[in-house]
């Protein structure tokens, strides 16, 4: 699966390496709270220990499955509490 970064993804000082670190480390995947199909929110940590909130869309370009990363930003306090509850299970 190919990973594409939208222009808005790096707006908060994080990049593709941070997204990949979230995927490698324990993370929580939540379907879009807005009801969008193929859109997910990932809560996790990068290798530097920052708690990150990542918004992605999984779709197809031709016959190739791709992940488009829209946002990589620091988690809010509420999201961090949610993440810590789910990961410790």
C-alpha atoms as a PDB file:
ATOM      1  CA  UNK A   1       0.000   0.000   0.000  1.00  0.00           C
ATOM      2  CA  UNK A   2       1.350   3.394  -0.976  1.00  0.00           C
ATOM      3  CA  UNK A   3       1.231   6.356   1.425  1.00  0.00           C
ATOM      4  CA  UNK A   4       0.575   9.874   0.111  1.00  0.00           C
ATOM      5  CA  UNK A   5       0.816  13.064   2.164  1.00  0.00           C
ATOM      6  CA  UNK A   6      -1.690  15.838   1.561  1.00  0.00           C
ATOM      7  CA  UNK A   7      -0.348  19.401   1.721  1.00  0.00           C
ATOM      8  CA  UNK A   8      -2.125  19.880   5.046  1.00  0.00           C
ATOM      9  CA  UNK A   9      -0.391  16.863   6.656  1.00  0.00           C
ATOM     10  CA  UNK A  10       2.844  18.623   7.604  1.00  0.00           C
ATOM     11  CA  UNK A  11       1.262  21.865   8.753  1.00  0.00           C
ATOM     12  CA  UNK A  12       1.813  21.111  12.445  1.00  0.00           C
ATOM     13  CA  UNK A  13       5.505  20.246  12.270  1.00  0.00           C
ATOM     14  CA  UNK A  14       5.185  16.480  11.864  1.00  0.00           C
ATOM     15  CA  UNK A  15       5.756  14.434   8.719  1.00  0.00           C
ATOM     16  CA  UNK A  16       5.663  11.022   7.066  1.00  0.00           C
ATOM     17  CA  UNK A  17       8.183   9.546   9.498  1.00  0.00           C
ATOM     18  CA  UNK A  18       5.897  10.394  12.399  1.00  0.00           C
ATOM     19  CA  UNK A  19       2.928   8.729  10.665  1.00  0.00           C
ATOM     20  CA  UNK A  20       4.978   5.575  10.098  1.00  0.00           C
ATOM     21  CA  UNK A  21       6.095   5.606  13.747  1.00  0.00           C
ATOM     22  CA  UNK A  22       2.461   5.773  14.890  1.00  0.00           C
ATOM     23  CA  UNK A  23       1.662   2.754  12.706  1.00  0.00           C
ATOM     24  CA  UNK A  24       4.646   0.778  14.071  1.00  0.00           C
ATOM     25  CA  UNK A  25       3.855   1.544  17.721  1.00  0.00           C
ATOM     26  CA  UNK A  26       0.652   0.575  19.566  1.00  0.00           C
ATOM     27  CA  UNK A  27      -2.158   2.788  18.290  1.00  0.00           C
ATOM     28  CA  UNK A  28      -5.931   3.143  18.327  1.00  0.00           C
ATOM     29  CA  UNK A  29      -7.885   3.372  15.071  1.00  0.00           C
ATOM     30  CA  UNK A  30     -11.257   5.126  15.153  1.00  0.00           C
ATOM     31  CA  UNK A  31     -13.707   5.438  12.269  1.00  0.00           C
ATOM     32  CA  UNK A  32     -14.472   8.996  11.242  1.00  0.00           C
ATOM     33  CA  UNK A  33     -16.652  10.669  13.847  1.00  0.00           C
ATOM     34  CA  UNK A  34     -18.255  12.615  11.006  1.00  0.00           C
ATOM     35  CA  UNK A  35     -19.412   9.466   9.244  1.00  0.00           C
ATOM     36  CA  UNK A  36     -17.083   9.739   6.249  1.00  0.00           C
ATOM     37  CA  UNK A  37     -16.407   6.434   4.503  1.00  0.00           C
ATOM     38  CA  UNK A  38     -12.798   5.287   4.374  1.00  0.00           C
ATOM     39  CA  UNK A  39     -11.656   8.004   6.800  1.00  0.00           C
ATOM     40  CA  UNK A  40      -9.971   7.033  10.067  1.00  0.00           C
ATOM     41  CA  UNK A  41      -8.380   8.759  13.019  1.00  0.00           C
ATOM     42  CA  UNK A  42      -5.292   7.167  14.521  1.00  0.00           C
ATOM     43  CA  UNK A  43      -4.145   7.914  18.046  1.00  0.00           C
ATOM     44  CA  UNK A  44      -0.597   6.897  18.880  1.00  0.00           C
ATOM     45  CA  UNK A  45       2.948   7.922  19.705  1.00  0.00           C
ATOM     46  CA  UNK A  46       5.934   8.650  17.526  1.00  0.00           C
ATOM     47  CA  UNK A  47       9.480   7.518  18.304  1.00  0.00           C
ATOM     48  CA  UNK A  48      10.145  10.805  20.129  1.00  0.00           C
ATOM     49  CA  UNK A  49       7.339  10.064  22.607  1.00  0.00           C
ATOM     50  CA  UNK A  50       4.895  12.711  21.316  1.00  0.00           C
ATOM     51  CA  UNK A  51       1.216  11.767  21.447  1.00  0.00           C
ATOM     52  CA  UNK A  52      -0.125  12.219  17.902  1.00  0.00           C
ATOM     53  CA  UNK A  53      -3.549  12.364  16.269  1.00  0.00           C
ATOM     54  CA  UNK A  54      -3.420  11.317  12.604  1.00  0.00           C
ATOM     55  CA  UNK A  55      -6.299  11.600  10.108  1.00  0.00           C
ATOM     56  CA  UNK A  56      -6.114   9.298   7.070  1.00  0.00           C
ATOM     57  CA  UNK A  57      -8.257   8.179   4.152  1.00  0.00           C
ATOM     58  CA  UNK A  58      -7.872   4.722   2.653  1.00  0.00           C
ATOM     59  CA  UNK A  59      -8.901   4.424  -0.967  1.00  0.00           C
ATOM     60  CA  UNK A  60      -7.961   3.283  -4.421  1.00  0.00           C
ATOM     61  CA  UNK A  61      -6.132   4.957  -7.285  1.00  0.00           C
ATOM     62  CA  UNK A  62      -6.762   2.687 -10.227  1.00  0.00           C
ATOM     63  CA  UNK A  63      -6.018  -0.795  -8.929  1.00  0.00           C
ATOM     64  CA  UNK A  64      -3.575   0.360  -6.257  1.00  0.00           C
ATOM     65  CA  UNK A  65      -4.658   0.753  -2.633  1.00  0.00           C
ATOM     66  CA  UNK A  66      -3.395   4.012  -1.112  1.00  0.00           C
ATOM     67  CA  UNK A  67      -3.439   5.756   2.250  1.00  0.00           C
ATOM     68  CA  UNK A  68      -3.704   9.535   2.146  1.00  0.00           C
ATOM     69  CA  UNK A  69      -2.525  11.282   5.315  1.00  0.00           C
ATOM     70  CA  UNK A  70      -4.423  14.543   5.885  1.00  0.00           C
ATOM     71  CA  UNK A  71      -3.296  15.659   9.330  1.00  0.00           C
ATOM     72  CA  UNK A  72      -0.598  14.751  11.811  1.00  0.00           C
ATOM     73  CA  UNK A  73      -0.970  16.856  14.931  1.00  0.00           C
ATOM     74  CA  UNK A  74      -0.486  16.729  18.681  1.00  0.00           C
ATOM     75  CA  UNK A  75      -3.295  15.009  20.614  1.00  0.00           C
ATOM     76  CA  UNK A  76      -5.663  16.962  22.809  1.00  0.00           C
ATOM     77  CA  UNK A  77      -5.823  16.062  26.502  1.00  0.00           C
ATOM     78  CA  UNK A  78      -9.172  14.294  26.029  1.00  0.00           C
ATOM     79  CA  UNK A  79      -7.812  12.247  23.102  1.00  0.00           C
ATOM     80  CA  UNK A  80      -4.740  11.332  25.151  1.00  0.00           C
ATOM     81  CA  UNK A  81      -6.903  10.020  27.998  1.00  0.00           C
ATOM     82  CA  UNK A  82      -8.986   8.001  25.493  1.00  0.00           C
ATOM     83  CA  UNK A  83      -5.822   6.593  23.901  1.00  0.00           C
ATOM     84  CA  UNK A  84      -4.275   5.598  27.232  1.00  0.00           C
ATOM     85  CA  UNK A  85      -7.445   3.781  28.294  1.00  0.00           C
ATOM     86  CA  UNK A  86      -7.631   1.806  25.034  1.00  0.00           C
ATOM     87  CA  UNK A  87      -3.943   0.916  24.690  1.00  0.00           C
ATOM     88  CA  UNK A  88      -3.560  -0.461  28.219  1.00  0.00           C
ATOM     89  CA  UNK A  89      -6.218  -3.137  27.632  1.00  0.00           C
END
